[in-house]
C-alpha atoms as a PDB file:
ATOM      1  CA  MET A   1       0.000   0.000   0.000  1.00  0.00           C
ATOM      2  CA  LYS A   2       2.895   2.381   0.613  1.00  0.00           C
ATOM      3  CA  PHE A   3       4.087   1.646  -2.919  1.00  0.00           C
ATOM      4  CA  LEU A   4       1.039   3.249  -4.604  1.00  0.00           C
ATOM      5  CA  PRO A   5       1.563   6.881  -3.374  1.00  0.00           C
ATOM      6  CA  GLY A   6       5.231   6.739  -4.363  1.00  0.00           C
ATOM      7  CA  LEU A   7       4.360   5.421  -7.813  1.00  0.00           C
ATOM      8  CA  SER A   8       1.736   8.115  -8.313  1.00  0.00           C
ATOM      9  CA  ALA A   9       4.250  10.780  -7.250  1.00  0.00           C
ATOM     10  CA  VAL A  10       6.841   9.509  -9.745  1.00  0.00           C
ATOM     11  CA  LEU A  11       4.264   9.359 -12.540  1.00  0.00           C
ATOM     12  CA  SER A  12       3.059  12.867 -11.707  1.00  0.00           C
ATOM     13  CA  LEU A  13       6.609  14.214 -11.878  1.00  0.00           C
ATOM     14  CA  ALA A  14       7.181  12.434 -15.178  1.00  0.00           C
ATOM     15  CA  LEU A  15       3.977  13.924 -16.576  1.00  0.00           C
ATOM     16  CA  VAL A  16       4.958  17.439 -15.498  1.00  0.00           C
ATOM     17  CA  ALA A  17       8.452  17.028 -16.945  1.00  0.00           C
ATOM     18  CA  ALA A  18       7.081  15.755 -20.264  1.00  0.00           C
ATOM     19  CA  SER A  19       4.587  18.584 -20.725  1.00  0.00           C
ATOM     20  CA  PRO A  20       5.738  21.493 -22.908  1.00  0.00           C
ATOM     21  CA  ALA A  21       6.883  24.674 -21.234  1.00  0.00           C
ATOM     22  CA  PRO A  22       4.557  27.698 -21.405  1.00  0.00           C
ATOM     23  CA  ASP A  23       7.152  29.619 -23.458  1.00  0.00           C
ATOM     24  CA  ALA A  24       7.251  26.829 -26.006  1.00  0.00           C
ATOM     25  CA  LEU A  25       3.527  27.222 -26.574  1.00  0.00           C
ATOM     26  CA  LYS A  26       3.820  30.955 -27.263  1.00  0.00           C
ATOM     27  CA  THR A  27       6.654  30.874 -29.812  1.00  0.00           C
ATOM     28  CA  PRO A  28       5.681  30.354 -33.438  1.00  0.00           C
ATOM     29  CA  PRO A  29       7.197  27.469 -35.379  1.00  0.00           C
ATOM     30  CA  PRO A  30      10.692  28.075 -36.787  1.00  0.00           C
ATOM     31  CA  ASP A  31       9.363  28.389 -40.343  1.00  0.00           C
ATOM     32  CA  GLN A  32       7.166  31.335 -39.383  1.00  0.00           C
ATOM     33  CA  GLN A  33      10.032  32.944 -37.490  1.00  0.00           C
ATOM     34  CA  LEU A  34      12.278  32.532 -40.496  1.00  0.00           C
ATOM     35  CA  LEU A  35       9.694  34.062 -42.830  1.00  0.00           C
ATOM     36  CA  ALA A  36       9.238  37.010 -40.479  1.00  0.00           C
ATOM     37  CA  LEU A  37      12.997  37.569 -40.364  1.00  0.00           C
ATOM     38  CA  VAL A  38      13.275  37.337 -44.149  1.00  0.00           C
ATOM     39  CA  LYS A  39      10.525  39.941 -44.581  1.00  0.00           C
ATOM     40  CA  GLU A  40      12.227  42.223 -42.076  1.00  0.00           C
ATOM     41  CA  VAL A  41      15.565  41.906 -43.883  1.00  0.00           C
ATOM     42  CA  GLN A  42      13.869  42.634 -47.226  1.00  0.00           C
ATOM     43  CA  THR A  43      12.283  45.819 -45.875  1.00  0.00           C
ATOM     44  CA  GLN A  44      15.634  46.870 -44.427  1.00  0.00           C
ATOM     45  CA  GLN A  45      17.318  46.283 -47.785  1.00  0.00           C
ATOM     46  CA  ILE A  46      14.688  48.414 -49.525  1.00  0.00           C
ATOM     47  CA  THR A  47      15.261  51.179 -46.986  1.00  0.00           C
ATOM     48  CA  ILE A  48      19.028  50.941 -47.451  1.00  0.00           C
ATOM     49  CA  ALA A  49      18.664  51.121 -51.240  1.00  0.00           C
ATOM     50  CA  GLU A  50      16.441  54.204 -50.972  1.00  0.00           C
ATOM     51  CA  ASN A  51      18.902  55.878 -48.608  1.00  0.00           C
ATOM     52  CA  GLN A  52      21.800  55.046 -50.937  1.00  0.00           C
ATOM     53  CA  ALA A  53      19.928  56.648 -53.839  1.00  0.00           C
ATOM     54  CA  LYS A  54      19.433  59.803 -51.750  1.00  0.00           C
ATOM     55  CA  ILE A  55      23.120  59.849 -50.818  1.00  0.00           C
ATOM     56  CA  ASP A  56      24.136  59.443 -54.467  1.00  0.00           C
ATOM     57  CA  ALA A  57      21.851  62.305 -55.490  1.00  0.00           C
ATOM     58  CA  LYS A  58      23.311  64.583 -52.813  1.00  0.00           C
ATOM     59  CA  LEU A  59      26.877  63.646 -53.809  1.00  0.00           C
ATOM     60  CA  ALA A  60      26.079  64.450 -57.435  1.00  0.00           C
ATOM     61  CA  ALA A  61      24.684  67.853 -56.391  1.00  0.00           C
ATOM     62  CA  ILE A  62      27.793  68.578 -54.316  1.00  0.00           C
ATOM     63  CA  ALA A  63      30.046  67.576 -57.212  1.00  0.00           C
ATOM     64  CA  GLU A  64      28.132  69.951 -59.490  1.00  0.00           C
ATOM     65  CA  TYR A  65      28.472  72.795 -56.960  1.00  0.00           C
ATOM     66  CA  LEU A  66      32.213  72.149 -56.728  1.00  0.00           C
ATOM     67  CA  ARG A  67      32.527  72.139 -60.505  1.00  0.00           C
ATOM     68  CA  LEU A  68      30.709  75.462 -60.738  1.00  0.00           C
ATOM     69  CA  ALA A  69      32.814  76.887 -57.910  1.00  0.00           C
ATOM     70  CA  GLN A  70      35.998  75.923 -59.747  1.00  0.00           C
ATOM     71  CA  ILE A  71      34.722  77.544 -62.941  1.00  0.00           C
ATOM     72  CA  TYR A  72      33.812  80.785 -61.156  1.00  0.00           C
ATOM     73  CA  SER A  73      37.065  80.872 -59.189  1.00  0.00           C
ATOM     74  CA  SER A  74      39.125  80.389 -62.351  1.00  0.00           C
ATOM     75  CA  ARG A  75      37.318  83.316 -64.002  1.00  0.00           C
ATOM     76  CA  GLY A  76      37.910  85.557 -61.026  1.00  0.00           C
ATOM     77  CA  GLY A  77      41.468  86.394 -61.953  1.00  0.00           C
ATOM     78  CA  LYS A  78      44.861  86.076 -60.361  1.00  0.00           C
END
């Protein structure tokens, strides 16, 4: 008779240990996580490309201003 409570305690502990953790239930499957990360990287790449285009446009404007400044300074004399 003393064997039955001990057996039930061991089985209860085994059942608790085998059940999934609460955090495991909340996390999406790895495929969904991977897709979310891929989408995030794609949006970041689009943003980087747009920013690079803006930088290139500003560099072209600065180069034009420098070219004009050199032309005007060479006409100034001396």
